[in-house]
Protein backbone atom coordinates (compact mmCIF):
# COMPACT_ATOMS: atom_id res chain seq x y z
CA MET A 1 2.56 11.01 -34.09
CA ASP A 2 5.39 12.86 -32.39
CA THR A 3 2.86 15.17 -30.71
CA LEU A 4 0.89 12.25 -29.28
CA ILE A 5 4.03 10.55 -28.00
CA ALA A 6 5.13 13.82 -26.38
CA MET A 7 1.74 14.27 -24.69
CA ILE A 8 1.80 10.76 -23.24
CA ASN A 9 5.34 11.26 -21.98
CA ASP A 10 4.44 14.54 -20.35
CA LEU A 11 1.51 12.93 -18.54
CA MET A 12 3.46 9.89 -17.36
CA TRP A 13 6.76 11.52 -16.44
CA GLY A 14 5.41 14.94 -15.35
CA ALA A 15 2.78 13.51 -13.01
CA VAL A 16 2.39 9.81 -12.51
CA LEU A 17 5.81 8.14 -12.57
CA ILE A 18 7.93 10.63 -10.71
CA TYR A 19 5.71 10.40 -7.66
CA LEU A 20 5.17 6.64 -8.06
CA LEU A 21 8.90 5.84 -8.39
CA ILE A 22 9.97 8.04 -5.50
CA GLY A 23 7.01 6.98 -3.34
CA VAL A 24 7.61 3.23 -3.86
CA GLY A 25 11.32 3.64 -3.33
CA ILE A 26 10.87 5.56 -0.09
CA PHE A 27 8.20 3.06 1.10
CA PHE A 28 10.54 0.05 0.63
CA THR A 29 13.55 1.95 1.99
CA PHE A 30 11.73 2.45 5.27
CA ARG A 31 9.99 -0.96 5.33
CA LEU A 32 13.38 -2.68 4.82
CA GLY A 33 15.09 -0.46 7.42
CA PHE A 34 17.38 1.41 4.96
CA ILE A 35 18.73 -1.87 3.65
CA GLN A 36 20.96 0.04 1.15
CA ILE A 37 22.98 1.40 4.03
CA ARG A 38 22.71 -1.27 6.74
CA HIS A 39 23.58 -4.14 4.38
CA PHE A 40 25.83 -2.35 1.92
CA GLY A 41 28.76 -4.58 2.71
CA HIS A 42 26.64 -7.72 2.58
CA MET A 43 26.02 -7.16 -1.13
CA PHE A 44 29.66 -7.81 -1.72
CA SER A 45 29.66 -10.79 0.61
CA VAL A 46 26.89 -12.44 -1.52
CA LEU A 47 28.89 -11.63 -4.62
CA ARG A 48 31.94 -13.55 -3.32
CA ASN A 49 29.89 -16.77 -3.49
CA SER A 50 28.11 -15.97 -6.74
CA ARG A 51 29.81 -18.41 -9.15
CA LYS A 52 27.69 -21.41 -8.13
CA SER A 53 24.96 -22.79 -10.40
CA ASP A 54 23.20 -26.02 -11.33
CA ASN A 55 21.71 -27.62 -14.44
CA ALA A 56 18.55 -25.51 -14.24
CA GLY A 57 19.98 -22.08 -13.59
CA ILE A 58 22.92 -19.79 -14.34
CA SER A 59 25.14 -18.48 -11.53
CA SER A 60 24.30 -15.36 -9.57
CA PHE A 61 27.39 -13.69 -11.08
CA GLN A 62 26.16 -14.48 -14.58
CA ALA A 63 22.68 -13.10 -13.66
CA LEU A 64 24.35 -9.88 -12.31
CA CYS A 65 26.47 -9.56 -15.52
CA THR A 66 23.37 -10.14 -17.67
CA SER A 67 21.40 -7.45 -15.80
CA LEU A 68 24.39 -5.08 -15.89
CA ALA A 69 24.71 -5.77 -19.67
CA ALA A 70 21.19 -4.43 -20.01
CA ARG A 71 21.59 -1.62 -17.50
CA VAL A 72 25.00 -0.37 -18.62
CA GLY A 73 24.24 1.01 -22.05
CA THR A 74 23.41 4.22 -23.72
CA GLY A 75 21.82 5.52 -20.53
CA ASN A 76 25.32 5.65 -18.96
CA LEU A 77 26.96 7.58 -21.80
CA ALA A 78 24.39 9.25 -24.14
CA GLY A 79 21.62 9.31 -21.50
CA VAL A 80 23.66 11.11 -18.87
CA ALA A 81 24.63 13.69 -21.48
CA VAL A 82 20.99 14.11 -22.47
CA ALA A 83 20.00 14.54 -18.78
CA ILE A 84 22.65 17.22 -18.25
CA TYR A 85 21.77 19.04 -21.42
CA LEU A 86 17.96 19.09 -20.81
CA GLY A 87 17.95 19.34 -16.98
CA GLY A 88 21.27 20.95 -16.18
CA PRO A 89 24.00 19.50 -13.93
CA GLY A 90 21.39 19.11 -11.16
CA ALA A 91 19.87 16.21 -13.07
CA ILE A 92 22.80 14.08 -11.85
CA PHE A 93 21.75 14.59 -8.24
CA TRP A 94 18.30 13.30 -9.03
CA MET A 95 19.86 10.32 -10.84
CA TRP A 96 21.77 9.55 -7.61
CA LEU A 97 18.62 9.91 -5.51
CA ILE A 98 16.52 7.61 -7.72
CA ALA A 99 19.32 5.08 -7.67
CA PHE A 100 19.66 5.21 -3.89
CA ILE A 101 15.99 4.63 -3.13
CA GLY A 102 15.75 2.40 -6.19
CA MET A 103 18.14 -0.03 -4.61
CA ALA A 104 15.44 -1.00 -2.17
CA THR A 105 12.93 -1.37 -5.00
CA ALA A 106 15.39 -3.53 -6.92
CA PHE A 107 15.83 -5.75 -3.87
CA VAL A 108 12.10 -6.39 -3.64
CA GLU A 109 11.42 -7.10 -7.32
CA SER A 110 14.38 -9.49 -7.77
CA THR A 111 13.54 -11.33 -4.52
CA LEU A 112 9.99 -11.85 -5.75
CA ALA A 113 11.22 -13.00 -9.14
CA GLN A 114 13.41 -15.65 -7.51
CA LEU A 115 10.59 -16.87 -5.32
CA TYR A 116 8.05 -17.31 -8.06
CA LYS A 117 10.31 -18.67 -10.80
CA VAL A 118 9.36 -21.72 -12.88
CA LYS A 119 11.05 -24.16 -15.26
CA ASP A 120 10.46 -24.00 -19.05
CA GLU A 121 10.06 -26.96 -21.35
CA ASP A 122 13.89 -27.36 -21.52
CA GLY A 123 14.21 -27.45 -17.66
CA ASN A 124 15.70 -23.95 -17.34
CA TYR A 125 14.59 -21.40 -14.79
CA ARG A 126 12.40 -18.62 -16.01
CA GLY A 127 10.77 -15.86 -14.07
CA GLY A 128 10.21 -12.12 -13.61
CA PRO A 129 7.34 -9.72 -12.91
CA ALA A 130 4.91 -11.50 -15.27
CA TYR A 131 5.40 -14.70 -13.26
CA TYR A 132 4.93 -13.09 -9.81
CA MET A 133 1.87 -11.30 -11.10
CA GLU A 134 0.41 -14.60 -12.24
CA LYS A 135 1.44 -16.78 -9.26
CA GLY A 136 1.71 -14.33 -6.40
CA LEU A 137 -1.30 -12.16 -7.29
CA GLY A 138 -3.35 -14.65 -9.34
CA MET A 139 -3.58 -12.05 -12.10
CA ARG A 140 -2.36 -13.56 -15.33
CA TRP A 141 -3.96 -10.71 -17.27
CA MET A 142 -1.59 -8.32 -15.48
CA GLY A 143 1.37 -10.52 -16.32
CA VAL A 144 0.25 -10.54 -19.98
CA LEU A 145 0.00 -6.73 -19.98
CA PHE A 146 3.45 -6.43 -18.46
CA SER A 147 4.95 -8.96 -20.90
CA LEU A 148 3.56 -7.10 -23.88
CA CYS A 149 4.99 -3.80 -22.50
CA LEU A 150 8.40 -5.44 -21.90
CA ILE A 151 8.54 -7.10 -25.33
CA LEU A 152 7.73 -3.77 -26.97
CA ALA A 153 10.21 -1.87 -24.76
CA PHE A 154 13.19 -4.19 -24.46
CA GLY A 155 12.84 -6.52 -27.42
CA LEU A 156 12.05 -3.79 -29.89
CA VAL A 157 12.31 -0.08 -28.85
CA PHE A 158 15.23 -0.16 -26.45
CA ASN A 159 17.28 -2.22 -28.89
CA ALA A 160 16.66 0.47 -31.46
CA VAL A 161 17.89 3.08 -28.99
CA GLN A 162 21.06 1.11 -28.34
CA ALA A 163 21.66 0.55 -32.09
CA ASN A 164 21.05 4.28 -32.73
CA SER A 165 23.79 5.26 -30.28
CA ILE A 166 26.28 2.72 -31.73
CA SER A 167 25.74 3.96 -35.29
CA LEU A 168 26.06 7.60 -34.32
CA ALA A 169 29.23 6.94 -32.31
CA MET A 170 30.79 5.01 -35.23
CA ASN A 171 29.87 7.76 -37.64
CA VAL A 172 31.37 10.49 -35.47
CA ALA A 173 34.57 8.54 -34.67
CA PHE A 174 35.24 6.74 -37.96
CA GLY A 175 32.80 8.16 -40.52
CA ILE A 176 31.10 4.77 -40.96
CA PRO A 177 27.65 5.09 -42.64
CA ASP A 178 24.69 4.24 -40.41
CA TRP A 179 23.48 1.44 -42.66
CA VAL A 180 26.87 -0.27 -42.48
CA SER A 181 26.88 -0.16 -38.68
CA GLY A 182 23.33 -1.48 -38.77
CA LEU A 183 24.14 -4.52 -40.88
CA ALA A 184 27.21 -5.33 -38.72
CA LEU A 185 25.05 -5.12 -35.56
CA VAL A 186 22.36 -7.37 -37.05
CA VAL A 187 24.95 -10.04 -37.86
CA LEU A 188 26.70 -9.89 -34.49
CA SER A 189 23.48 -9.77 -32.47
CA GLY A 190 22.07 -12.71 -34.39
CA LEU A 191 25.13 -14.85 -33.62
CA ILE A 192 24.56 -14.39 -29.88
CA ILE A 193 20.76 -14.24 -29.40
CA PHE A 194 20.31 -17.47 -31.38
CA GLY A 195 22.44 -19.15 -28.64
CA GLY A 196 19.71 -18.66 -25.99
CA ILE A 197 19.74 -17.57 -22.35
CA ARG A 198 22.84 -19.55 -21.28
CA GLY A 199 24.84 -18.30 -24.29
CA ILE A 200 23.87 -14.72 -23.44
CA ALA A 201 24.87 -15.20 -19.80
CA ARG A 202 28.28 -16.58 -20.77
CA PHE A 203 28.82 -13.68 -23.16
CA ALA A 204 27.87 -11.13 -20.49
CA GLU A 205 30.10 -12.82 -17.89
CA LEU A 206 33.09 -12.37 -20.16
CA VAL A 207 32.49 -8.89 -21.52
CA VAL A 208 30.75 -6.84 -18.84
CA PRO A 209 33.46 -6.80 -16.10
CA PHE A 210 36.06 -5.85 -18.72
CA MET A 211 34.12 -3.00 -20.29
CA ALA A 212 32.95 -1.55 -16.96
CA LEU A 213 36.44 -1.57 -15.45
CA ALA A 214 38.02 0.03 -18.56
CA TYR A 215 35.46 2.87 -18.48
CA ILE A 216 35.87 3.51 -14.75
CA LEU A 217 39.67 3.65 -15.05
CA MET A 218 39.41 6.15 -17.92
CA ALA A 219 37.05 8.36 -15.84
CA LEU A 220 39.35 8.15 -12.86
CA PHE A 221 42.21 9.27 -15.09
CA VAL A 222 40.19 12.34 -16.20
CA VAL A 223 39.27 13.17 -12.61
CA ALA A 224 42.90 12.86 -11.55
CA MET A 225 43.90 15.30 -14.28
CA ASN A 226 41.31 17.82 -13.03
CA ILE A 227 41.29 16.96 -9.31
CA SER A 228 41.28 20.64 -8.28
CA GLU A 229 37.95 21.09 -10.05
CA LEU A 230 36.21 18.17 -8.31
CA PRO A 231 34.75 20.15 -5.36
CA GLY A 232 33.39 22.72 -7.77
CA VAL A 233 31.71 20.05 -9.91
CA PHE A 234 29.94 18.55 -6.90
CA SER A 235 28.90 22.04 -5.73
CA LEU A 236 27.48 22.79 -9.21
CA ILE A 237 25.47 19.57 -9.23
CA ILE A 238 23.92 20.26 -5.81
CA LYS A 239 23.23 23.94 -6.49
CA SER A 240 21.69 23.19 -9.88
CA ALA A 241 19.52 20.34 -8.41
CA PHE A 242 17.75 22.85 -6.14
CA GLY A 243 17.68 25.77 -8.56
CA LEU A 244 20.22 27.80 -6.56
CA GLU A 245 22.09 28.68 -9.76
CA GLN A 246 18.90 30.12 -11.26
CA ALA A 247 17.40 31.59 -8.05
CA GLY A 248 18.02 35.15 -9.11
CA SER A 249 16.64 34.76 -12.58
CA GLY A 250 13.01 33.94 -11.66
CA ALA A 251 13.27 30.48 -13.20
CA LEU A 252 13.67 28.57 -9.94
CA GLY A 253 10.64 26.28 -10.18
CA TYR A 254 11.23 25.48 -13.82
CA ALA A 255 14.89 24.70 -13.25
CA ILE A 256 14.15 22.31 -10.40
CA SER A 257 11.34 20.54 -12.31
CA GLN A 258 13.52 20.06 -15.40
CA ALA A 259 16.42 18.74 -13.28
CA MET A 260 14.06 16.33 -11.52
CA ILE A 261 12.20 15.04 -14.55
CA ASN A 262 15.27 14.50 -16.72
CA GLY A 263 17.37 13.07 -13.89
CA ILE A 264 14.72 10.59 -12.79
CA LYS A 265 13.77 9.67 -16.35
CA ARG A 266 17.34 9.06 -17.49
CA GLY A 267 18.23 7.50 -14.10
CA LEU A 268 15.47 4.93 -14.46
CA PHE A 269 16.45 4.28 -18.06
CA SER A 270 19.95 3.59 -16.86
CA ASN A 271 19.52 1.54 -13.64
CA GLU A 272 16.01 0.18 -14.40
CA ALA A 273 15.13 -0.07 -10.68
CA GLY A 274 11.40 -0.69 -10.39
CA MET A 275 10.95 -1.13 -14.12
CA GLY A 276 10.71 -4.89 -13.79
CA SER A 277 13.54 -5.75 -16.26
CA ALA A 278 16.40 -7.00 -14.09
CA PRO A 279 14.11 -9.49 -12.22
CA ASN A 280 13.96 -11.51 -15.45
CA ALA A 281 17.70 -12.12 -15.13
CA ALA A 282 17.54 -12.63 -11.36
CA ALA A 283 14.96 -15.38 -11.69
CA THR A 284 17.19 -17.49 -14.02
CA ALA A 285 19.88 -17.84 -11.33
CA THR A 286 20.55 -20.66 -8.87
CA PRO A 287 21.14 -18.48 -5.82
CA TYR A 288 23.70 -18.88 -3.06
CA PRO A 289 22.81 -18.54 -0.24
CA PRO A 290 19.85 -20.69 -1.38
CA HIS A 291 17.24 -18.05 -0.52
CA PRO A 292 15.22 -15.72 -2.81
CA ALA A 293 16.46 -12.69 -0.95
CA SER A 294 20.11 -13.36 -1.90
CA GLN A 295 19.25 -12.38 -5.46
CA GLY A 296 17.73 -9.18 -4.11
CA TYR A 297 21.15 -8.23 -2.72
CA VAL A 298 22.92 -9.11 -5.98
CA GLN A 299 20.61 -6.97 -8.06
CA MET A 300 20.68 -4.14 -5.55
CA LEU A 301 24.45 -4.05 -6.13
CA GLY A 302 23.78 -3.77 -9.87
CA VAL A 303 21.86 -0.53 -9.38
CA PHE A 304 24.67 0.92 -7.30
CA LEU A 305 27.36 -0.01 -9.88
CA ASP A 306 25.28 1.30 -12.80
CA THR A 307 24.23 4.75 -11.55
CA ILE A 308 26.28 5.72 -8.55
CA VAL A 309 29.54 4.54 -10.11
CA ILE A 310 29.35 4.43 -13.95
CA CYS A 311 26.90 7.28 -14.59
CA THR A 312 28.86 9.48 -12.18
CA CYS A 313 32.01 8.76 -14.24
CA THR A 314 30.27 10.10 -17.38
CA ALA A 315 29.01 13.17 -15.52
CA ALA A 316 32.54 13.93 -14.19
CA ILE A 317 34.01 13.67 -17.71
CA ILE A 318 31.38 16.02 -19.17
CA LEU A 319 31.34 18.63 -16.37
CA MET A 320 35.09 18.83 -16.03
CA SER A 321 35.64 19.24 -19.78
CA GLY A 322 33.86 22.56 -20.20
CA GLN A 323 32.15 21.21 -23.31
CA PHE A 324 28.61 21.42 -21.84
CA GLU A 325 26.91 24.51 -23.35
CA PRO A 326 23.18 24.95 -22.74
CA GLY A 327 21.27 25.61 -25.93
CA SER A 328 24.16 24.57 -28.21
CA GLY A 329 22.34 21.55 -29.62
CA ILE A 330 25.32 19.29 -28.76
CA THR A 331 23.98 16.48 -26.61
CA GLY A 332 23.84 12.68 -26.34
CA VAL A 333 26.86 10.57 -27.25
CA GLU A 334 28.39 13.49 -29.28
CA LEU A 335 28.68 15.57 -26.09
CA THR A 336 30.33 12.71 -24.23
CA GLN A 337 32.77 12.16 -27.09
CA ARG A 338 33.70 15.82 -27.27
CA ALA A 339 34.16 15.98 -23.50
CA LEU A 340 36.57 13.07 -23.41
CA SER A 341 38.45 14.26 -26.54
CA SER A 342 39.05 17.60 -24.87
CA GLN A 343 40.83 15.73 -22.05
CA ILE A 344 42.82 13.05 -23.84
CA GLY A 345 42.90 14.28 -27.45
CA GLY A 346 41.53 12.62 -30.58
CA GLY A 347 41.62 9.24 -28.91
CA GLY A 348 38.58 10.30 -26.86
CA ASN A 349 36.27 9.85 -29.87
CA ILE A 350 37.61 6.38 -30.48
CA PHE A 351 37.44 5.37 -26.79
CA ILE A 352 33.84 6.50 -26.40
CA ALA A 353 32.90 4.84 -29.72
CA ALA A 354 34.39 1.61 -28.41
CA ALA A 355 32.66 2.04 -25.03
CA ILE A 356 29.35 2.75 -26.67
CA PHE A 357 29.74 -0.27 -28.89
CA PHE A 358 30.44 -2.65 -25.94
CA PHE A 359 27.96 -1.05 -23.58
CA ALA A 360 25.14 -0.83 -26.12
CA PHE A 361 25.81 -4.12 -27.85
CA THR A 362 25.71 -6.08 -24.62
CA SER A 363 22.45 -4.23 -23.79
CA ILE A 364 21.00 -5.47 -27.08
CA VAL A 365 21.61 -9.13 -26.35
CA ALA A 366 20.57 -8.80 -22.66
CA ASN A 367 17.43 -6.89 -23.58
CA TYR A 368 16.58 -9.67 -25.99
CA SER A 369 16.94 -12.26 -23.17
CA TYR A 370 14.40 -10.35 -21.09
CA ALA A 371 11.98 -10.25 -24.01
CA GLU A 372 12.50 -13.96 -24.71
CA THR A 373 11.49 -14.89 -21.12
CA ASN A 374 8.25 -12.86 -21.46
CA LEU A 375 7.46 -14.36 -24.87
CA VAL A 376 7.86 -17.79 -23.20
CA PHE A 377 5.47 -16.61 -20.45
CA LEU A 378 2.88 -15.66 -23.04
CA GLU A 379 3.22 -19.10 -24.59
CA HIS A 380 2.83 -20.87 -21.25
CA ASN A 381 6.50 -21.78 -20.95
CA HIS A 382 6.85 -23.02 -24.51
CA LYS A 383 9.17 -21.49 -27.08
CA GLY A 384 7.27 -21.89 -30.37
CA GLY A 385 7.38 -18.28 -31.52
CA LEU A 386 11.02 -17.44 -30.74
CA MET A 387 12.34 -17.75 -34.25
CA LEU A 388 9.99 -15.19 -35.70
CA PHE A 389 10.53 -12.89 -32.73
CA ARG A 390 14.27 -12.95 -33.15
CA MET A 391 13.85 -11.75 -36.70
CA PHE A 392 11.70 -8.84 -35.50
CA VAL A 393 14.35 -7.93 -32.90
CA LEU A 394 17.05 -7.82 -35.57
CA GLY A 395 14.79 -5.68 -37.73
CA MET A 396 14.47 -3.12 -34.90
CA VAL A 397 18.25 -3.07 -34.50
CA MET A 398 18.53 -2.14 -38.19
CA PHE A 399 15.75 0.45 -37.85
CA GLY A 400 17.43 2.06 -34.85
CA SER A 401 20.73 2.31 -36.66
CA VAL A 402 19.32 4.54 -39.36
CA GLY A 403 16.43 6.23 -37.45
CA GLU A 404 16.21 9.66 -35.81
CA LEU A 405 17.27 9.94 -32.16
CA PRO A 406 14.47 12.17 -30.74
CA THR A 407 11.68 9.92 -31.98
CA VAL A 408 13.44 6.76 -30.78
CA TRP A 409 14.10 8.16 -27.34
CA ALA A 410 10.50 9.29 -26.99
CA MET A 411 9.17 5.83 -27.95
CA ALA A 412 11.51 4.32 -25.36
CA ASP A 413 10.23 6.67 -22.65
CA VAL A 414 6.59 5.69 -23.32
CA SER A 415 7.17 1.95 -23.28
CA MET A 416 9.43 2.17 -20.22
CA GLY A 417 6.88 4.21 -18.36
CA LEU A 418 4.06 1.75 -18.99
CA MET A 419 6.24 -1.15 -17.85
CA ALA A 420 7.23 0.63 -14.67
CA ILE A 421 3.70 1.56 -13.71
CA VAL A 422 2.42 -2.07 -14.03
CA ASN A 423 5.40 -3.49 -12.14
CA LEU A 424 5.34 -0.93 -9.34
CA VAL A 425 1.65 -1.64 -8.67
CA ALA A 426 2.45 -5.40 -8.49
CA ILE A 427 5.35 -5.15 -6.10
CA LEU A 428 3.31 -2.91 -3.82
CA LEU A 429 0.57 -5.55 -3.74
CA LEU A 430 3.21 -8.18 -2.98
CA SER A 431 5.18 -6.03 -0.49
CA GLY A 432 4.14 -8.16 2.48
CA VAL A 433 5.69 -11.29 0.88
CA ALA A 434 8.94 -9.52 0.05
CA ILE A 435 9.29 -8.05 3.60
CA LYS A 436 8.63 -11.50 5.05
CA LEU A 437 11.39 -13.02 2.94
CA ALA A 438 13.81 -10.25 3.90
CA ARG A 439 13.16 -10.82 7.62
CA ASP A 440 13.55 -14.58 7.23
CA TYR A 441 16.92 -14.15 5.46
CA ASN A 442 18.23 -11.69 8.05
CA ASP A 443 16.98 -13.64 11.04
CA GLN A 444 19.06 -16.61 9.84
CA LEU A 445 22.05 -14.39 9.09
CA LYS A 446 22.01 -13.02 12.66
CA LEU A 447 22.11 -16.55 13.98
CA GLY A 448 25.24 -17.26 11.94
CA LYS A 449 23.46 -19.59 9.56
CA VAL A 450 23.70 -19.71 5.76
CA PRO A 451 20.18 -18.32 4.92
CA THR A 452 18.12 -21.16 3.36
CA PHE A 453 14.55 -20.75 2.29
CA ASP A 454 12.12 -23.37 3.65
CA ALA A 455 8.80 -22.91 1.93
CA ASN A 456 7.08 -25.18 4.47
CA LYS A 457 7.45 -22.41 7.09
CA TYR A 458 5.10 -20.28 4.98
CA PRO A 459 2.11 -22.41 3.87
CA GLU A 460 0.36 -19.32 2.49
CA ILE A 461 3.34 -18.80 0.08
CA ARG A 462 4.02 -22.49 -0.45
CA SER A 463 0.72 -23.00 -2.25
CA GLN A 464 1.62 -20.34 -4.83
CA LEU A 465 4.99 -21.76 -5.83
CA GLU A 466 5.94 -23.98 -8.72
CA GLU A 467 6.25 -27.61 -7.69
CA GLY A 468 9.88 -28.77 -7.37
CA ILE A 469 11.50 -25.34 -7.30
CA TRP A 470 11.84 -24.74 -3.57
CA ASP A 471 11.11 -28.25 -2.33
CA ASN A 472 14.79 -28.95 -1.62
CA PRO A 473 16.58 -25.66 -1.14
CA ALA A 474 19.85 -27.27 -0.15
CA GLN A 475 20.03 -28.59 -3.72
CA ASN A 476 20.34 -24.98 -4.95
CA SER A 477 23.76 -24.65 -3.36
CA LYS A 478 25.37 -27.39 -5.47
CA GLN A 479 27.72 -26.44 -8.26
CA ALA A 480 26.97 -27.65 -11.77
């Protein structure tokens, strides 16, 4: 079984996905006129007005926090350590690159998710790649395939990955047995996921800003303690990314390929750009400005915060600590814990254990919310199977707590890769719609208007949309 999983991973990540992710990201970066750079400041402008919502949707800020809850998890702590261990310090450069071009991809997928959202039987917004595949492309079969991949990945496998990191961190820091951590996670997760989408959004809104700020401040403290080493760390990352450290050893090509593969793989696992996960949160929001593209900017900011900011913090802690030793077998969350402990003493283990708990636990509940939306899609916007599915999710949390890390990571890579391929094909096919929406938004912005989407201007799009969603866009700007 392990051999088969490894073979599939090698095929997807060694050939298909690296080129597809980079190619799609570059394509949208150029088609959107380097939107990551030109409109970098506008992301924060949209965020300033992101607390507005209505009875059908959560606020844009809650949607951002929900997507960050899923993004900011083990990929930011354990995943960065795995990338450095397997690909060398140069893997961080490729994480940065995939995040930069991935910001454009994230803009497109979240804009499309907002456009094609629907209301479920309770009157709440639902949407995501499965919905734009069905409505925008007329390919429900594609949406079904994506939903099955996402449910497997986020509802089951990824939650096992997050639980695995929590139980390992608790064992290293406090000696707590894995099964005890597992049972505690099952109880805590159950309390939140049975509260539904709005309960998850409120939880994320409270916890995510606090946990991210605390981790960033700790990393800045470590950097300040080692400020003289900072230029050398950046130099090491760049040299390692292009094999310059290994140029004299005859291993140049292998070193570059390992840095690329591991950096891109772990970068995608962390920021999820192009994977089709964050759009599920973006679609549930009532956007302000009342235009689908405004959610594209919000979720583009999420990619930046996740990888360029938080993952870089972890990389700085590890590379400044001197704890990274190729071939030592020390990787994952254990490497991150050792690195921080070497800087601040025994409290480092406790801090990382707490960070892992908050980062990974919020990921579990946010991942569940993505899976719930896709289960609702499969059931034609009804929620009949949710109770049984929630029990399966909690079962995977328990499994991940006591399972072996390599197998769990490998399963996550396979399911993530399948999801990403299906979604990237879909957004390429819908690229014309996304570019049209971006131009409409920016044309209004240049005129000094609050961008407002009028579906009647685009009859070819209007016919694809859910009745009542974009009929009165001004209504979307009202507060609940």
